[in-house]
Amino acid sequence: MTPHREILENGLWAQNPGLTQLLGLCPLLAVSSTMVNAVSLGLATTLVMALTGLAVSAARHLIPPEIRIPVFVLIIAVLVTVVDLVMHAYAHDLYLVLGIFVPLIVTNCIVLARAEAFASKRGPLASTLDGLAMGLGLTGVLALLGALRELAGKGTLLSGLHLVFGEGARSWTIQVLPDYGGFLLAVLPPGAFIGLGLLIAARNALDRRRTERRSRPTALVRSA
């Protein structure tokens, strides 16, 4: 496996922040009531992670080890401020819905963790790719959890697209379950915990099946 492919596989699956490392759970559970909200925050986090990896890697030889953590936090804070101002200017309605969770990307432990564990030790390309892969892995979990909660809670998918694309996008909402009365638990915080638990269980089951399939040829050879 090539290094770049390994980085992608680690971020998207093997070391997925939401399902394996269980990092960044605060926004994961708080903003995933709808698929649009979840994906929007996930993409904002992905952009910050990719740019953080690039910036930290490029400056790693200039940062004294004793102050590296404060400098990393400062870099992350600057990038989050830029993303926050861009969303405030061009997606104001979405910005109001996401609220404090956009600035809180600064405190998201997965961003600082990858800066310290990976970007501070690798080149700019690999570090940017790692941030992108980890961010997209988290976004994928957010998207699945948001879709699951929105479908169970309101019977719809993609509600709230008008927050991103304007009032004309209201008609883009998919009514999967017509005349659905809704399930309140799904859109409340306990629903987020239940949904995340189901996703973790599904991932573990898939990993177990992959391991069993890989071990079967070895077992057959030994028996022969």
Protein backbone atom coordinates (compact mmCIF):
# COMPACT_ATOMS: atom_id res chain seq x y z
CA MET A 1 0.00 0.00 0.00
CA THR A 2 1.40 3.41 -0.96
CA PRO A 3 1.84 5.98 1.86
CA HIS A 4 -0.80 8.30 0.41
CA ARG A 5 -3.30 5.48 0.05
CA GLU A 6 -2.59 4.40 3.62
CA ILE A 7 -3.21 7.96 4.84
CA LEU A 8 -6.56 8.02 3.04
CA GLU A 9 -7.60 4.62 4.37
CA ASN A 10 -6.64 5.58 7.92
CA GLY A 11 -8.64 8.80 7.82
CA LEU A 12 -11.70 7.42 6.08
CA TRP A 13 -11.91 4.06 7.85
CA ALA A 14 -9.14 2.49 9.97
CA GLN A 15 -8.63 5.51 12.26
CA ASN A 16 -11.88 7.32 11.57
CA PRO A 17 -12.20 10.17 14.11
CA GLY A 18 -15.88 9.60 14.79
CA LEU A 19 -16.11 5.81 14.82
CA THR A 20 -12.67 4.62 15.91
CA GLN A 21 -10.88 7.40 17.79
CA LEU A 22 -14.15 8.84 19.13
CA LEU A 23 -12.81 12.40 18.95
CA GLY A 24 -14.79 15.56 18.30
CA LEU A 25 -17.95 14.06 19.78
CA CYS A 26 -19.40 17.39 20.97
CA PRO A 27 -20.19 18.76 17.48
CA LEU A 28 -20.80 15.23 16.21
CA LEU A 29 -23.68 14.79 18.63
CA ALA A 30 -24.93 18.37 18.84
CA VAL A 31 -25.16 19.42 15.17
CA SER A 32 -26.20 16.16 13.54
CA SER A 33 -29.96 16.68 13.93
CA THR A 34 -30.20 17.16 10.15
CA MET A 35 -27.99 16.01 7.32
CA VAL A 36 -27.40 19.54 5.96
CA ASN A 37 -26.24 20.91 9.31
CA ALA A 38 -23.99 17.91 9.89
CA VAL A 39 -22.32 17.99 6.48
CA SER A 40 -21.85 21.77 6.62
CA LEU A 41 -19.98 21.62 9.92
CA GLY A 42 -18.04 18.57 8.72
CA LEU A 43 -16.84 20.35 5.58
CA ALA A 44 -15.85 23.42 7.61
CA THR A 45 -13.84 21.18 9.93
CA THR A 46 -12.27 19.40 6.94
CA LEU A 47 -11.09 22.69 5.47
CA VAL A 48 -9.58 23.75 8.79
CA MET A 49 -7.85 20.38 9.24
CA ALA A 50 -6.34 20.36 5.76
CA LEU A 51 -5.05 23.94 6.04
CA THR A 52 -3.79 23.28 9.58
CA GLY A 53 -1.83 20.27 8.39
CA LEU A 54 -0.28 22.31 5.60
CA ALA A 55 0.59 25.28 7.84
CA VAL A 56 1.98 23.23 10.72
CA SER A 57 4.05 21.04 8.41
CA ALA A 58 5.47 24.02 6.54
CA ALA A 59 6.45 25.80 9.76
CA ARG A 60 7.45 22.79 11.86
CA HIS A 61 11.20 23.48 11.64
CA LEU A 62 10.70 27.12 12.70
CA ILE A 63 8.65 26.37 15.84
CA PRO A 64 10.60 25.70 19.07
CA PRO A 65 9.42 22.41 20.62
CA GLU A 66 8.72 24.10 23.95
CA ILE A 67 5.98 26.33 22.52
CA ARG A 68 4.69 24.13 19.72
CA ILE A 69 1.24 23.47 21.28
CA PRO A 70 0.38 27.19 21.80
CA VAL A 71 1.59 27.93 18.27
CA PHE A 72 -0.51 25.08 16.86
CA VAL A 73 -3.58 26.40 18.70
CA LEU A 74 -2.88 29.89 17.35
CA ILE A 75 -2.66 28.58 13.79
CA ILE A 76 -5.91 26.67 14.22
CA ALA A 77 -7.63 29.72 15.74
CA VAL A 78 -6.60 31.93 12.81
CA LEU A 79 -7.90 29.43 10.25
CA VAL A 80 -11.17 28.91 12.14
CA THR A 81 -11.66 32.68 12.31
CA VAL A 82 -11.26 32.89 8.53
CA VAL A 83 -13.80 30.08 7.99
CA ASP A 84 -16.15 31.66 10.54
CA LEU A 85 -16.05 35.06 8.79
CA VAL A 86 -16.56 33.49 5.35
CA MET A 87 -19.62 31.56 6.57
CA HIS A 88 -20.92 34.69 8.29
CA ALA A 89 -20.64 36.61 5.02
CA TYR A 90 -21.82 34.08 2.45
CA ALA A 91 -24.01 31.59 4.37
CA HIS A 92 -25.38 33.73 7.16
CA ASP A 93 -28.56 31.73 7.80
CA LEU A 94 -26.56 28.51 8.08
CA TYR A 95 -24.07 30.30 10.30
CA LEU A 96 -26.87 31.27 12.68
CA VAL A 97 -28.09 27.66 12.85
CA LEU A 98 -24.64 26.20 13.55
CA GLY A 99 -24.02 28.95 16.07
CA ILE A 100 -21.17 28.47 18.54
CA PHE A 101 -20.05 25.17 17.00
CA VAL A 102 -18.16 26.88 14.17
CA PRO A 103 -15.82 28.82 16.53
CA LEU A 104 -15.59 25.70 18.70
CA ILE A 105 -13.68 23.95 15.90
CA VAL A 106 -10.66 25.58 17.59
CA THR A 107 -11.16 23.28 20.59
CA ASN A 108 -11.95 20.19 18.54
CA CYS A 109 -9.38 17.71 19.83
CA ILE A 110 -9.03 15.90 16.49
CA VAL A 111 -7.62 19.05 14.81
CA LEU A 112 -4.91 19.59 17.42
CA ALA A 113 -4.26 15.86 17.70
CA ARG A 114 -3.45 15.50 14.00
CA ALA A 115 -1.31 18.63 14.06
CA GLU A 116 0.76 17.23 16.92
CA ALA A 117 0.82 13.54 15.95
CA PHE A 118 1.17 13.84 12.17
CA ALA A 119 1.71 17.29 10.65
CA SER A 120 4.54 18.24 13.00
CA LYS A 121 6.51 15.21 11.79
CA ARG A 122 5.64 14.91 8.07
CA GLY A 123 5.89 16.88 4.84
CA PRO A 124 3.28 19.40 3.63
CA LEU A 125 1.65 17.12 1.04
CA ALA A 126 1.22 14.16 3.38
CA SER A 127 0.05 16.44 6.21
CA THR A 128 -2.53 18.18 4.02
CA LEU A 129 -3.76 14.81 2.77
CA ASP A 130 -4.00 13.51 6.34
CA GLY A 131 -6.06 16.51 7.43
CA LEU A 132 -8.30 16.14 4.39
CA ALA A 133 -8.79 12.40 4.95
CA MET A 134 -9.51 12.76 8.67
CA GLY A 135 -11.91 15.62 8.00
CA LEU A 136 -13.75 13.73 5.29
CA GLY A 137 -13.92 10.68 7.54
CA LEU A 138 -15.55 12.80 10.23
CA THR A 139 -17.84 14.41 7.63
CA GLY A 140 -18.96 10.99 6.43
CA VAL A 141 -19.93 9.99 9.97
CA LEU A 142 -21.73 13.30 10.45
CA ALA A 143 -23.60 12.82 7.18
CA LEU A 144 -24.72 9.29 8.06
CA LEU A 145 -25.71 10.24 11.59
CA GLY A 146 -27.51 13.36 10.38
CA ALA A 147 -29.40 11.42 7.72
CA LEU A 148 -30.34 8.71 10.22
CA ARG A 149 -31.61 11.19 12.80
CA GLU A 150 -33.42 13.38 10.28
CA LEU A 151 -35.12 10.41 8.66
CA ALA A 152 -36.19 8.93 11.99
CA GLY A 153 -37.11 12.29 13.50
CA LYS A 154 -38.90 14.05 10.64
CA GLY A 155 -39.16 11.56 7.78
CA THR A 156 -37.17 13.82 5.46
CA LEU A 157 -33.71 14.13 3.95
CA LEU A 158 -31.83 17.31 2.99
CA SER A 159 -34.16 19.65 4.85
CA GLY A 160 -32.50 23.00 5.36
CA LEU A 161 -30.75 23.21 2.00
CA HIS A 162 -32.20 26.70 1.61
CA LEU A 163 -29.78 27.78 4.36
CA VAL A 164 -26.95 27.09 1.92
CA PHE A 165 -28.43 27.67 -1.55
CA GLY A 166 -31.21 30.19 -0.87
CA GLU A 167 -34.99 30.06 -0.75
CA GLY A 168 -35.24 28.29 -4.11
CA ALA A 169 -33.75 25.18 -2.51
CA ARG A 170 -36.67 24.65 -0.12
CA SER A 171 -38.28 22.40 -2.72
CA TRP A 172 -35.17 20.17 -2.80
CA THR A 173 -36.11 18.55 0.52
CA ILE A 174 -36.90 14.86 0.04
CA GLN A 175 -40.03 13.71 1.89
CA VAL A 176 -39.12 10.06 2.39
CA LEU A 177 -41.99 9.27 4.75
CA PRO A 178 -45.15 11.22 3.79
CA ASP A 179 -47.60 12.04 6.61
CA TYR A 180 -44.98 11.02 9.16
CA GLY A 181 -45.70 12.29 12.65
CA GLY A 182 -42.06 12.37 13.66
CA PHE A 183 -40.07 10.74 16.45
CA LEU A 184 -38.90 13.35 18.94
CA LEU A 185 -36.19 11.20 20.55
CA ALA A 186 -34.28 11.01 17.27
CA VAL A 187 -33.69 14.77 17.08
CA LEU A 188 -32.80 15.12 20.78
CA PRO A 189 -29.30 14.46 22.21
CA PRO A 190 -30.18 10.89 23.34
CA GLY A 191 -31.03 10.09 19.71
CA ALA A 192 -27.55 11.20 18.72
CA PHE A 193 -25.96 8.79 21.22
CA ILE A 194 -28.15 5.93 20.03
CA GLY A 195 -27.44 6.67 16.37
CA LEU A 196 -23.68 6.91 16.93
CA GLY A 197 -23.76 3.63 18.84
CA LEU A 198 -25.49 1.94 15.90
CA LEU A 199 -22.90 3.30 13.46
CA ILE A 200 -20.02 2.11 15.65
CA ALA A 201 -21.63 -1.33 15.92
CA ALA A 202 -22.07 -1.49 12.13
CA ARG A 203 -18.43 -0.53 11.57
CA ASN A 204 -17.20 -3.15 14.02
CA ALA A 205 -19.35 -5.80 12.35
CA LEU A 206 -17.94 -4.91 8.91
CA ASP A 207 -14.39 -5.03 10.25
CA ARG A 208 -15.05 -8.42 11.81
CA ARG A 209 -16.39 -9.79 8.52
CA ARG A 210 -13.36 -8.45 6.61
CA THR A 211 -11.01 -10.10 9.12
CA GLU A 212 -12.84 -13.42 8.82
CA ARG A 213 -12.69 -13.31 5.00
CA ARG A 214 -8.95 -12.63 5.06
CA SER A 215 -8.31 -15.50 7.47
CA ARG A 216 -10.27 -18.10 5.47
CA PRO A 217 -7.65 -18.68 2.71
CA THR A 218 -4.93 -19.18 5.36
CA ALA A 219 -7.13 -21.68 7.20
CA LEU A 220 -7.84 -23.57 3.97
CA VAL A 221 -4.14 -23.76 3.10
CA ARG A 222 -3.27 -25.11 6.53
CA SER A 223 -6.01 -27.75 6.38
CA ALA A 224 -4.81 -28.87 2.92
